[in-house]
Structures are given as C-alpha cells and as structure tokens.
PDB file of all heavy atoms in Angstrom:
ATOM      1  N   THR A   1     -19.506 -16.662   6.589  1.00  0.00           N
ATOM      2  CA  THR A   1     -19.548 -15.835   7.718  1.00  0.00           C
ATOM      3  C   THR A   1     -19.433 -14.361   7.335  1.00  0.00           C
ATOM      4  O   THR A   1     -19.455 -13.489   8.262  1.00  0.00           O
ATOM      5  CB  THR A   1     -18.433 -16.157   8.733  1.00  0.00           C
ATOM      6  OG1 THR A   1     -17.159 -15.883   8.106  1.00  0.00           O
ATOM      7  CG2 THR A   1     -18.455 -17.664   9.090  1.00  0.00           C
ATOM      8  N   ASP A   2     -19.212 -14.022   6.081  1.00  0.00           N
ATOM      9  CA  ASP A   2     -19.087 -12.631   5.622  1.00  0.00           C
ATOM     10  C   ASP A   2     -20.522 -12.045   5.440  1.00  0.00           C
ATOM     11  O   ASP A   2     -21.135 -12.279   4.435  1.00  0.00           O
ATOM     12  CB  ASP A   2     -18.288 -12.651   4.349  1.00  0.00           C
ATOM     13  CG  ASP A   2     -18.084 -11.249   3.840  1.00  0.00           C
ATOM     14  OD1 ASP A   2     -18.634 -10.257   4.391  1.00  0.00           O
ATOM     15  OD2 ASP A   2     -17.385 -11.050   2.799  1.00  0.00           O
ATOM     16  N   LEU A   3     -20.884 -11.237   6.373  1.00  0.00           N
ATOM     17  CA  LEU A   3     -22.233 -10.681   6.368  1.00  0.00           C
ATOM     18  C   LEU A   3     -22.505  -9.763   5.169  1.00  0.00           C
ATOM     19  O   LEU A   3     -23.679  -9.544   4.790  1.00  0.00           O
ATOM     20  CB  LEU A   3     -22.565  -9.965   7.699  1.00  0.00           C
ATOM     21  CG  LEU A   3     -22.581 -10.875   8.919  1.00  0.00           C
ATOM     22  CD1 LEU A   3     -22.705 -10.047  10.176  1.00  0.00           C
ATOM     23  CD2 LEU A   3     -23.623 -11.930   8.855  1.00  0.00           C
ATOM     24  N   THR A   4     -21.444  -9.164   4.612  1.00  0.00           N
ATOM     25  CA  THR A   4     -21.640  -8.338   3.404  1.00  0.00           C
ATOM     26  C   THR A   4     -22.068  -9.134   2.250  1.00  0.00           C
ATOM     27  O   THR A   4     -22.439  -8.584   1.216  1.00  0.00           O
ATOM     28  CB  THR A   4     -20.377  -7.498   3.100  1.00  0.00           C
ATOM     29  OG1 THR A   4     -19.327  -8.350   2.624  1.00  0.00           O
ATOM     30  CG2 THR A   4     -19.934  -6.642   4.304  1.00  0.00           C
ATOM     31  N   ARG A   5     -22.050 -10.456   2.324  1.00  0.00           N
ATOM     32  CA  ARG A   5     -22.485 -11.326   1.200  1.00  0.00           C
ATOM     33  C   ARG A   5     -23.928 -11.733   1.374  1.00  0.00           C
ATOM     34  O   ARG A   5     -24.482 -12.497   0.579  1.00  0.00           O
ATOM     35  CB  ARG A   5     -21.640 -12.609   1.163  1.00  0.00           C
ATOM     36  CG  ARG A   5     -20.233 -12.379   0.607  1.00  0.00           C
ATOM     37  CD  ARG A   5     -19.368 -13.610   0.809  1.00  0.00           C
ATOM     38  NE  ARG A   5     -19.921 -14.819   0.264  1.00  0.00           N
ATOM     39  CZ  ARG A   5     -19.763 -15.273  -0.957  1.00  0.00           C
ATOM     40  NH1 ARG A   5     -19.109 -14.513  -1.830  1.00  0.00           N
ATOM     41  NH2 ARG A   5     -20.324 -16.435  -1.394  1.00  0.00           N
ATOM     42  N   ARG A   6     -24.673 -11.258   2.387  1.00  0.00           N
ATOM     43  CA  ARG A   6     -25.985 -11.697   2.677  1.00  0.00           C
ATOM     44  C   ARG A   6     -26.924 -11.361   1.465  1.00  0.00           C
ATOM     45  O   ARG A   6     -26.694 -10.403   0.718  1.00  0.00           O
ATOM     46  CB  ARG A   6     -26.529 -11.068   3.931  1.00  0.00           C
ATOM     47  CG  ARG A   6     -26.772  -9.631   3.947  1.00  0.00           C
ATOM     48  CD  ARG A   6     -27.005  -9.063   5.321  1.00  0.00           C
ATOM     49  NE  ARG A   6     -27.476  -7.629   5.309  1.00  0.00           N
ATOM     50  CZ  ARG A   6     -27.500  -6.881   6.361  1.00  0.00           C
ATOM     51  NH1 ARG A   6     -27.200  -7.385   7.574  1.00  0.00           N
ATOM     52  NH2 ARG A   6     -27.905  -5.624   6.339  1.00  0.00           N
ATOM     53  N   GLY A   7     -27.971 -12.168   1.355  1.00  0.00           N
ATOM     54  CA  GLY A   7     -29.010 -11.851   0.333  1.00  0.00           C
ATOM     55  C   GLY A   7     -28.631 -12.188  -1.072  1.00  0.00           C
ATOM     56  O   GLY A   7     -29.295 -11.756  -2.016  1.00  0.00           O
ATOM     57  N   ARG A   8     -27.620 -13.015  -1.325  1.00  0.00           N
ATOM     58  CA  ARG A   8     -27.196 -13.335  -2.653  1.00  0.00           C
ATOM     59  C   ARG A   8     -27.506 -14.747  -3.065  1.00  0.00           C
ATOM     60  O   ARG A   8     -27.718 -15.625  -2.219  1.00  0.00           O
ATOM     61  CB  ARG A   8     -25.673 -13.175  -2.832  1.00  0.00           C
ATOM     62  CG  ARG A   8     -25.015 -12.019  -2.160  1.00  0.00           C
ATOM     63  CD  ARG A   8     -25.189 -10.720  -2.929  1.00  0.00           C
ATOM     64  NE  ARG A   8     -24.063  -9.908  -2.800  1.00  0.00           N
ATOM     65  CZ  ARG A   8     -23.686  -9.234  -1.694  1.00  0.00           C
ATOM     66  NH1 ARG A   8     -24.405  -9.316  -0.665  1.00  0.00           N
ATOM     67  NH2 ARG A   8     -22.600  -8.469  -1.689  1.00  0.00           N
ATOM     68  N   ARG A   9     -27.415 -14.996  -4.385  1.00  0.00           N
ATOM     69  CA  ARG A   9     -27.170 -16.324  -4.940  1.00  0.00           C
ATOM     70  C   ARG A   9     -25.792 -16.370  -5.461  1.00  0.00           C
ATOM     71  O   ARG A   9     -25.263 -15.334  -5.828  1.00  0.00           O
ATOM     72  CB  ARG A   9     -28.219 -16.707  -5.987  1.00  0.00           C
ATOM     73  CG  ARG A   9     -29.618 -16.964  -5.408  1.00  0.00           C
ATOM     74  CD  ARG A   9     -30.496 -17.605  -6.437  1.00  0.00           C
ATOM     75  NE  ARG A   9     -30.806 -16.703  -7.583  1.00  0.00           N
ATOM     76  CZ  ARG A   9     -31.361 -17.122  -8.717  1.00  0.00           C
ATOM     77  NH1 ARG A   9     -31.590 -18.441  -8.907  1.00  0.00           N
ATOM     78  NH2 ARG A   9     -31.622 -16.273  -9.669  1.00  0.00           N
ATOM     79  N   SER A  10     -25.162 -17.552  -5.490  1.00  0.00           N
ATOM     80  CA  SER A  10     -23.754 -17.650  -5.902  1.00  0.00           C
ATOM     81  C   SER A  10     -23.572 -18.637  -7.023  1.00  0.00           C
ATOM     82  O   SER A  10     -24.150 -19.719  -7.008  1.00  0.00           O
ATOM     83  CB  SER A  10     -22.863 -18.050  -4.727  1.00  0.00           C
ATOM     84  OG  SER A  10     -21.575 -18.381  -5.175  1.00  0.00           O
ATOM     85  N   ILE A  11     -22.773 -18.228  -7.959  1.00  0.00           N
ATOM     86  CA  ILE A  11     -22.306 -19.157  -9.044  1.00  0.00           C
ATOM     87  C   ILE A  11     -20.789 -19.134  -9.034  1.00  0.00           C
ATOM     88  O   ILE A  11     -20.198 -18.058  -8.954  1.00  0.00           O
ATOM     89  CB  ILE A  11     -22.818 -18.738 -10.417  1.00  0.00           C
ATOM     90  CG1 ILE A  11     -22.356 -19.706 -11.508  1.00  0.00           C
ATOM     91  CG2 ILE A  11     -22.499 -17.308 -10.760  1.00  0.00           C
ATOM     92  CD1 ILE A  11     -23.010 -19.477 -12.880  1.00  0.00           C
ATOM     93  N   ALA A  12     -20.168 -20.266  -9.036  1.00  0.00           N
ATOM     94  CA  ALA A  12     -18.679 -20.356  -9.035  1.00  0.00           C
ATOM     95  C   ALA A  12     -18.140 -20.519 -10.426  1.00  0.00           C
ATOM     96  O   ALA A  12     -18.477 -21.481 -11.137  1.00  0.00           O
ATOM     97  CB  ALA A  12     -18.247 -21.566  -8.142  1.00  0.00           C
ATOM     98  N   VAL A  13     -17.376 -19.549 -10.884  1.00  0.00           N
ATOM     99  CA  VAL A  13     -16.878 -19.501 -12.270  1.00  0.00           C
ATOM    100  C   VAL A  13     -15.372 -19.265 -12.247  1.00  0.00           C
ATOM    101  O   VAL A  13     -14.880 -18.405 -11.513  1.00  0.00           O
ATOM    102  CB  VAL A  13     -17.540 -18.354 -13.057  1.00  0.00           C
ATOM    103  CG1 VAL A  13     -17.021 -18.361 -14.492  1.00  0.00           C
ATOM    104  CG2 VAL A  13     -19.044 -18.497 -13.049  1.00  0.00           C
ATOM    105  N   ASP A  14     -14.618 -20.088 -13.063  1.00  0.00           N
ATOM    106  CA  ASP A  14     -13.209 -19.850 -13.234  1.00  0.00           C
ATOM    107  C   ASP A  14     -13.061 -18.851 -14.411  1.00  0.00           C
ATOM    108  O   ASP A  14     -13.268 -19.199 -15.580  1.00  0.00           O
ATOM    109  CB  ASP A  14     -12.539 -21.147 -13.592  1.00  0.00           C
ATOM    110  CG  ASP A  14     -11.004 -20.957 -13.748  1.00  0.00           C
ATOM    111  OD1 ASP A  14     -10.521 -19.811 -13.711  1.00  0.00           O
ATOM    112  OD2 ASP A  14     -10.279 -22.001 -13.873  1.00  0.00           O
ATOM    113  N   LEU A  15     -12.762 -17.583 -14.061  1.00  0.00           N
ATOM    114  CA  LEU A  15     -12.682 -16.532 -15.061  1.00  0.00           C
ATOM    115  C   LEU A  15     -11.589 -16.755 -16.091  1.00  0.00           C
ATOM    116  O   LEU A  15     -11.522 -16.062 -17.101  1.00  0.00           O
ATOM    117  CB  LEU A  15     -12.618 -15.163 -14.429  1.00  0.00           C
ATOM    118  CG  LEU A  15     -13.789 -14.782 -13.508  1.00  0.00           C
ATOM    119  CD1 LEU A  15     -13.593 -13.410 -12.910  1.00  0.00           C
ATOM    120  CD2 LEU A  15     -15.091 -14.835 -14.283  1.00  0.00           C
ATOM    121  N   LYS A  16     -10.597 -17.564 -15.704  1.00  0.00           N
ATOM    122  CA  LYS A  16      -9.474 -17.844 -16.620  1.00  0.00           C
ATOM    123  C   LYS A  16      -9.692 -19.049 -17.550  1.00  0.00           C
ATOM    124  O   LYS A  16      -8.872 -19.354 -18.369  1.00  0.00           O
ATOM    125  CB  LYS A  16      -8.212 -18.080 -15.832  1.00  0.00           C
ATOM    126  CG  LYS A  16      -7.769 -16.832 -14.958  1.00  0.00           C
ATOM    127  CD  LYS A  16      -6.507 -17.109 -14.170  1.00  0.00           C
ATOM    128  CE  LYS A  16      -6.137 -15.880 -13.349  1.00  0.00           C
ATOM    129  NZ  LYS A  16      -4.892 -16.137 -12.532  1.00  0.00           N
ATOM    130  N   SER A  17     -10.857 -19.709 -17.398  1.00  0.00           N
ATOM    131  CA  SER A  17     -11.122 -20.828 -18.156  1.00  0.00           C
ATOM    132  C   SER A  17     -11.698 -20.469 -19.510  1.00  0.00           C
ATOM    133  O   SER A  17     -12.061 -19.350 -19.780  1.00  0.00           O
ATOM    134  CB  SER A  17     -12.099 -21.758 -17.450  1.00  0.00           C
ATOM    135  OG  SER A  17     -13.365 -21.130 -17.339  1.00  0.00           O
ATOM    136  N   VAL A  18     -11.763 -21.508 -20.416  1.00  0.00           N
ATOM    137  CA  VAL A  18     -12.254 -21.263 -21.762  1.00  0.00           C
ATOM    138  C   VAL A  18     -13.709 -20.808 -21.733  1.00  0.00           C
ATOM    139  O   VAL A  18     -14.087 -19.844 -22.466  1.00  0.00           O
ATOM    140  CB  VAL A  18     -12.147 -22.582 -22.559  1.00  0.00           C
ATOM    141  CG1 VAL A  18     -12.774 -22.402 -23.937  1.00  0.00           C
ATOM    142  CG2 VAL A  18     -10.715 -22.992 -22.751  1.00  0.00           C
ATOM    143  N   GLY A  19     -14.601 -21.401 -20.928  1.00  0.00           N
ATOM    144  CA  GLY A  19     -15.964 -21.029 -20.946  1.00  0.00           C
ATOM    145  C   GLY A  19     -16.379 -20.030 -19.897  1.00  0.00           C
ATOM    146  O   GLY A  19     -17.541 -19.580 -19.855  1.00  0.00           O
ATOM    147  N   GLY A  20     -15.419 -19.652 -18.978  1.00  0.00           N
ATOM    148  CA  GLY A  20     -15.818 -18.771 -17.882  1.00  0.00           C
ATOM    149  C   GLY A  20     -16.320 -17.407 -18.300  1.00  0.00           C
ATOM    150  O   GLY A  20     -17.306 -16.893 -17.748  1.00  0.00           O
ATOM    151  N   ALA A  21     -15.627 -16.739 -19.281  1.00  0.00           N
ATOM    152  CA  ALA A  21     -16.013 -15.422 -19.698  1.00  0.00           C
ATOM    153  C   ALA A  21     -17.430 -15.439 -20.312  1.00  0.00           C
ATOM    154  O   ALA A  21     -18.215 -14.563 -20.035  1.00  0.00           O
ATOM    155  CB  ALA A  21     -14.980 -14.840 -20.695  1.00  0.00           C
ATOM    156  N   GLU A  22     -17.686 -16.485 -21.092  1.00  0.00           N
ATOM    157  CA  GLU A  22     -19.016 -16.571 -21.702  1.00  0.00           C
ATOM    158  C   GLU A  22     -20.141 -16.721 -20.673  1.00  0.00           C
ATOM    159  O   GLU A  22     -21.211 -16.132 -20.863  1.00  0.00           O
ATOM    160  CB  GLU A  22     -19.060 -17.752 -22.715  1.00  0.00           C
ATOM    161  CG  GLU A  22     -20.419 -17.954 -23.307  1.00  0.00           C
ATOM    162  CD  GLU A  22     -20.894 -16.821 -24.163  1.00  0.00           C
ATOM    163  OE1 GLU A  22     -20.068 -15.957 -24.636  1.00  0.00           O
ATOM    164  OE2 GLU A  22     -22.169 -16.706 -24.332  1.00  0.00           O
ATOM    165  N   VAL A  23     -19.860 -17.452 -19.629  1.00  0.00           N
ATOM    166  CA  VAL A  23     -20.867 -17.588 -18.537  1.00  0.00           C
ATOM    167  C   VAL A  23     -21.215 -16.178 -18.003  1.00  0.00           C
ATOM    168  O   VAL A  23     -22.349 -15.809 -17.819  1.00  0.00           O
ATOM    169  CB  VAL A  23     -20.385 -18.530 -17.423  1.00  0.00           C
ATOM    170  CG1 VAL A  23     -21.305 -18.448 -16.201  1.00  0.00           C
ATOM    171  CG2 VAL A  23     -20.311 -19.928 -17.958  1.00  0.00           C
ATOM    172  N   VAL A  24     -20.175 -15.436 -17.693  1.00  0.00           N
ATOM    173  CA  VAL A  24     -20.390 -14.069 -17.080  1.00  0.00           C
ATOM    174  C   VAL A  24     -21.123 -13.157 -18.105  1.00  0.00           C
ATOM    175  O   VAL A  24     -21.967 -12.413 -17.699  1.00  0.00           O
ATOM    176  CB  VAL A  24     -19.047 -13.428 -16.653  1.00  0.00           C
ATOM    177  CG1 VAL A  24     -19.270 -12.021 -16.161  1.00  0.00           C
ATOM    178  CG2 VAL A  24     -18.446 -14.302 -15.531  1.00  0.00           C
ATOM    179  N   LEU A  25     -20.735 -13.254 -19.358  1.00  0.00           N
ATOM    180  CA  LEU A  25     -21.383 -12.415 -20.404  1.00  0.00           C
ATOM    181  C   LEU A  25     -22.822 -12.794 -20.487  1.00  0.00           C
ATOM    182  O   LEU A  25     -23.730 -11.889 -20.658  1.00  0.00           O
ATOM    183  CB  LEU A  25     -20.682 -12.633 -21.725  1.00  0.00           C
ATOM    184  CG  LEU A  25     -19.281 -11.980 -21.850  1.00  0.00           C
ATOM    185  CD1 LEU A  25     -18.618 -12.362 -23.110  1.00  0.00           C
ATOM    186  CD2 LEU A  25     -19.320 -10.426 -21.642  1.00  0.00           C
ATOM    187  N   ARG A  26     -23.215 -14.078 -20.397  1.00  0.00           N
ATOM    188  CA  ARG A  26     -24.597 -14.413 -20.477  1.00  0.00           C
ATOM    189  C   ARG A  26     -25.366 -13.942 -19.261  1.00  0.00           C
ATOM    190  O   ARG A  26     -26.483 -13.446 -19.352  1.00  0.00           O
ATOM    191  CB  ARG A  26     -24.770 -15.958 -20.558  1.00  0.00           C
ATOM    192  CG  ARG A  26     -24.410 -16.501 -21.920  1.00  0.00           C
ATOM    193  CD  ARG A  26     -25.138 -17.795 -22.162  1.00  0.00           C
ATOM    194  NE  ARG A  26     -24.520 -18.573 -23.216  1.00  0.00           N
ATOM    195  CZ  ARG A  26     -25.042 -19.775 -23.602  1.00  0.00           C
ATOM    196  NH1 ARG A  26     -26.109 -20.252 -23.010  1.00  0.00           N
ATOM    197  NH2 ARG A  26     -24.436 -20.430 -24.581  1.00  0.00           N
ATOM    198  N   LEU A  27     -24.716 -14.003 -18.053  1.00  0.00           N
ATOM    199  CA  LEU A  27     -25.308 -13.490 -16.875  1.00  0.00           C
ATOM    200  C   LEU A  27     -25.532 -11.975 -17.003  1.00  0.00           C
ATOM    201  O   LEU A  27     -26.631 -11.433 -16.673  1.00  0.00           O
ATOM    202  CB  LEU A  27     -24.493 -13.778 -15.642  1.00  0.00           C
ATOM    203  CG  LEU A  27     -24.410 -15.193 -15.180  1.00  0.00           C
ATOM    204  CD1 LEU A  27     -23.311 -15.359 -14.145  1.00  0.00           C
ATOM    205  CD2 LEU A  27     -25.743 -15.629 -14.534  1.00  0.00           C
ATOM    206  N   ALA A  28     -24.565 -11.256 -17.480  1.00  0.00           N
ATOM    207  CA  ALA A  28     -24.600  -9.854 -17.604  1.00  0.00           C
ATOM    208  C   ALA A  28     -25.710  -9.441 -18.602  1.00  0.00           C
ATOM    209  O   ALA A  28     -26.354  -8.350 -18.515  1.00  0.00           O
ATOM    210  CB  ALA A  28     -23.268  -9.281 -18.073  1.00  0.00           C
ATOM    211  N   ALA A  29     -25.936 -10.245 -19.635  1.00  0.00           N
ATOM    212  CA  ALA A  29     -27.008  -9.936 -20.631  1.00  0.00           C
ATOM    213  C   ALA A  29     -28.378  -9.986 -20.023  1.00  0.00           C
ATOM    214  O   ALA A  29     -29.290  -9.353 -20.556  1.00  0.00           O
ATOM    215  CB  ALA A  29     -26.902 -10.945 -21.785  1.00  0.00           C
ATOM    216  N   SER A  30     -28.529 -10.597 -18.874  1.00  0.00           N
ATOM    217  CA  SER A  30     -29.824 -10.707 -18.198  1.00  0.00           C
ATOM    218  C   SER A  30     -29.965  -9.681 -17.036  1.00  0.00           C
ATOM    219  O   SER A  30     -30.972  -9.681 -16.358  1.00  0.00           O
ATOM    220  CB  SER A  30     -30.011 -12.082 -17.540  1.00  0.00           C
ATOM    221  OG  SER A  30     -29.133 -12.259 -16.448  1.00  0.00           O
ATOM    222  N   ALA A  31     -28.952  -8.779 -16.891  1.00  0.00           N
ATOM    223  CA  ALA A  31     -28.927  -7.888 -15.767  1.00  0.00           C
ATOM    224  C   ALA A  31     -28.935  -6.417 -16.147  1.00  0.00           C
ATOM    225  O   ALA A  31     -28.735  -6.071 -17.311  1.00  0.00           O
ATOM    226  CB  ALA A  31     -27.706  -8.157 -14.884  1.00  0.00           C
ATOM    227  N   GLU A  32     -29.264  -5.562 -15.170  1.00  0.00           N
ATOM    228  CA  GLU A  32     -29.192  -4.117 -15.443  1.00  0.00           C
ATOM    229  C   GLU A  32     -27.894  -3.498 -14.881  1.00  0.00           C
ATOM    230  O   GLU A  32     -27.572  -2.340 -15.271  1.00  0.00           O
ATOM    231  CB  GLU A  32     -30.401  -3.415 -14.726  1.00  0.00           C
ATOM    232  CG  GLU A  32     -31.713  -3.712 -15.367  1.00  0.00           C
ATOM    233  CD  GLU A  32     -32.815  -2.881 -14.728  1.00  0.00           C
ATOM    234  OE1 GLU A  32     -33.000  -1.683 -15.179  1.00  0.00           O
ATOM    235  OE2 GLU A  32     -33.516  -3.356 -13.812  1.00  0.00           O
ATOM    236  N   ALA A  33     -27.153  -4.223 -14.039  1.00  0.00           N
ATOM    237  CA  ALA A  33     -25.995  -3.653 -13.519  1.00  0.00           C
ATOM    238  C   ALA A  33     -24.951  -4.774 -13.163  1.00  0.00           C
ATOM    239  O   ALA A  33     -25.259  -5.901 -12.948  1.00  0.00           O
ATOM    240  CB  ALA A  33     -26.254  -2.838 -12.232  1.00  0.00           C
ATOM    241  N   LEU A  34     -23.678  -4.357 -13.175  1.00  0.00           N
ATOM    242  CA  LEU A  34     -22.592  -5.228 -12.834  1.00  0.00           C
ATOM    243  C   LEU A  34     -21.634  -4.504 -11.924  1.00  0.00           C
ATOM    244  O   LEU A  34     -21.403  -3.313 -12.104  1.00  0.00           O
ATOM    245  CB  LEU A  34     -21.879  -5.676 -14.105  1.00  0.00           C
ATOM    246  CG  LEU A  34     -20.680  -6.660 -13.912  1.00  0.00           C
ATOM    247  CD1 LEU A  34     -20.608  -7.678 -15.081  1.00  0.00           C
ATOM    248  CD2 LEU A  34     -19.348  -5.969 -13.774  1.00  0.00           C
ATOM    249  N   ILE A  35     -21.105  -5.216 -10.891  1.00  0.00           N
ATOM    250  CA  ILE A  35     -20.154  -4.680  -9.923  1.00  0.00           C
ATOM    251  C   ILE A  35     -18.857  -5.463 -10.079  1.00  0.00           C
ATOM    252  O   ILE A  35     -18.797  -6.675 -10.092  1.00  0.00           O
ATOM    253  CB  ILE A  35     -20.677  -4.874  -8.528  1.00  0.00           C
ATOM    254  CG1 ILE A  35     -21.905  -3.960  -8.258  1.00  0.00           C
ATOM    255  CG2 ILE A  35     -19.601  -4.529  -7.481  1.00  0.00           C
ATOM    256  CD1 ILE A  35     -22.588  -4.281  -6.952  1.00  0.00           C
ATOM    257  N   GLU A  36     -17.706  -4.684 -10.216  1.00  0.00           N
ATOM    258  CA  GLU A  36     -16.423  -5.322 -10.095  1.00  0.00           C
ATOM    259  C   GLU A  36     -15.461  -4.380  -9.298  1.00  0.00           C
ATOM    260  O   GLU A  36     -15.632  -3.188  -9.372  1.00  0.00           O
ATOM    261  CB  GLU A  36     -15.889  -5.688 -11.524  1.00  0.00           C
ATOM    262  CG  GLU A  36     -15.540  -4.501 -12.396  1.00  0.00           C
ATOM    263  CD  GLU A  36     -14.082  -4.196 -12.324  1.00  0.00           C
ATOM    264  OE1 GLU A  36     -13.283  -4.758 -11.563  1.00  0.00           O
ATOM    265  OE2 GLU A  36     -13.663  -3.202 -13.036  1.00  0.00           O
ATOM    266  N   GLY A  37     -14.447  -5.004  -8.692  1.00  0.00           N
ATOM    267  CA  GLY A  37     -13.563  -4.257  -7.887  1.00  0.00           C
ATOM    268  C   GLY A  37     -12.125  -4.542  -8.022  1.00  0.00           C
ATOM    269  O   GLY A  37     -11.335  -4.562  -7.053  1.00  0.00           O
ATOM    270  N   PHE A  38     -11.675  -4.803  -9.231  1.00  0.00           N
ATOM    271  CA  PHE A  38     -10.245  -5.208  -9.508  1.00  0.00           C
ATOM    272  C   PHE A  38      -9.474  -4.003  -9.981  1.00  0.00           C
ATOM    273  O   PHE A  38     -10.054  -2.956 -10.389  1.00  0.00           O
ATOM    274  CB  PHE A  38     -10.188  -6.330 -10.495  1.00  0.00           C
ATOM    275  CG  PHE A  38     -10.844  -7.607  -9.986  1.00  0.00           C
ATOM    276  CD1 PHE A  38     -12.095  -7.964 -10.470  1.00  0.00           C
ATOM    277  CD2 PHE A  38     -10.214  -8.423  -9.085  1.00  0.00           C
ATOM    278  CE1 PHE A  38     -12.709  -9.075  -9.984  1.00  0.00           C
ATOM    279  CE2 PHE A  38     -10.793  -9.554  -8.605  1.00  0.00           C
ATOM    280  CZ  PHE A  38     -12.052  -9.900  -9.073  1.00  0.00           C
ATOM    281  N   ARG A  39      -8.161  -4.163 -10.073  1.00  0.00           N
ATOM    282  CA  ARG A  39      -7.368  -3.120 -10.681  1.00  0.00           C
ATOM    283  C   ARG A  39      -7.776  -2.898 -12.125  1.00  0.00           C
ATOM    284  O   ARG A  39      -8.202  -3.834 -12.757  1.00  0.00           O
ATOM    285  CB  ARG A  39      -5.861  -3.472 -10.604  1.00  0.00           C
ATOM    286  CG  ARG A  39      -5.281  -3.482  -9.182  1.00  0.00           C
ATOM    287  CD  ARG A  39      -3.777  -3.500  -9.251  1.00  0.00           C
ATOM    288  NE  ARG A  39      -3.166  -4.219  -8.174  1.00  0.00           N
ATOM    289  CZ  ARG A  39      -1.859  -4.252  -7.886  1.00  0.00           C
ATOM    290  NH1 ARG A  39      -1.020  -3.558  -8.603  1.00  0.00           N
ATOM    291  NH2 ARG A  39      -1.429  -4.931  -6.833  1.00  0.00           N
ATOM    292  N   PRO A  40      -7.547  -1.671 -12.654  1.00  0.00           N
ATOM    293  CA  PRO A  40      -7.875  -1.457 -14.034  1.00  0.00           C
ATOM    294  C   PRO A  40      -7.219  -2.423 -14.953  1.00  0.00           C
ATOM    295  O   PRO A  40      -5.986  -2.739 -14.810  1.00  0.00           O
ATOM    296  CB  PRO A  40      -7.423  -0.003 -14.261  1.00  0.00           C
ATOM    297  CG  PRO A  40      -7.473   0.637 -12.948  1.00  0.00           C
ATOM    298  CD  PRO A  40      -7.094  -0.454 -11.938  1.00  0.00           C
ATOM    299  N   GLY A  41      -7.931  -2.999 -15.879  1.00  0.00           N
ATOM    300  CA  GLY A  41      -7.385  -3.947 -16.863  1.00  0.00           C
ATOM    301  C   GLY A  41      -7.582  -5.408 -16.556  1.00  0.00           C
ATOM    302  O   GLY A  41      -7.517  -6.246 -17.489  1.00  0.00           O
ATOM    303  N   VAL A  42      -7.845  -5.759 -15.318  1.00  0.00           N
ATOM    304  CA  VAL A  42      -8.064  -7.143 -14.964  1.00  0.00           C
ATOM    305  C   VAL A  42      -9.279  -7.724 -15.655  1.00  0.00           C
ATOM    306  O   VAL A  42      -9.237  -8.856 -16.256  1.00  0.00           O
ATOM    307  CB  VAL A  42      -8.214  -7.290 -13.441  1.00  0.00           C
ATOM    308  CG1 VAL A  42      -8.566  -8.715 -13.061  1.00  0.00           C
ATOM    309  CG2 VAL A  42      -6.868  -6.973 -12.748  1.00  0.00           C
ATOM    310  N   MET A  43     -10.378  -7.014 -15.597  1.00  0.00           N
ATOM    311  CA  MET A  43     -11.602  -7.525 -16.271  1.00  0.00           C
ATOM    312  C   MET A  43     -11.453  -7.564 -17.778  1.00  0.00           C
ATOM    313  O   MET A  43     -11.964  -8.532 -18.466  1.00  0.00           O
ATOM    314  CB  MET A  43     -12.778  -6.683 -15.900  1.00  0.00           C
ATOM    315  CG  MET A  43     -13.120  -6.714 -14.402  1.00  0.00           C
ATOM    316  SD  MET A  43     -13.916  -8.284 -13.910  1.00  0.00           S
ATOM    317  CE  MET A  43     -15.567  -8.019 -14.424  1.00  0.00           C
TER     318      MET A  43
END
C-alpha cells in the first residue's frame, strides 16, 4: 500500500546473513546507482 514503492522489483535479503552482503554487491555491480538511508556506519 506504500505508493512510494511503485514501479519496482523486489528482492528480500537478510543483510546480516553470511551471503546477504554478497547478493547486494552483485546487484550493485550491475547498476549505475545505489540508494541507502541509514545512519552513518550501518552500511
């Protein structure tokens, strides 16, 4: 119901898991930009 999420595809990743970071890094390797909105240091 969150309209600001419109127009996306979604992948569910546990960023604290062993393989989670690698999944995001592979996705990022295929992209031109990345968006994150956490406090400094979280990522």
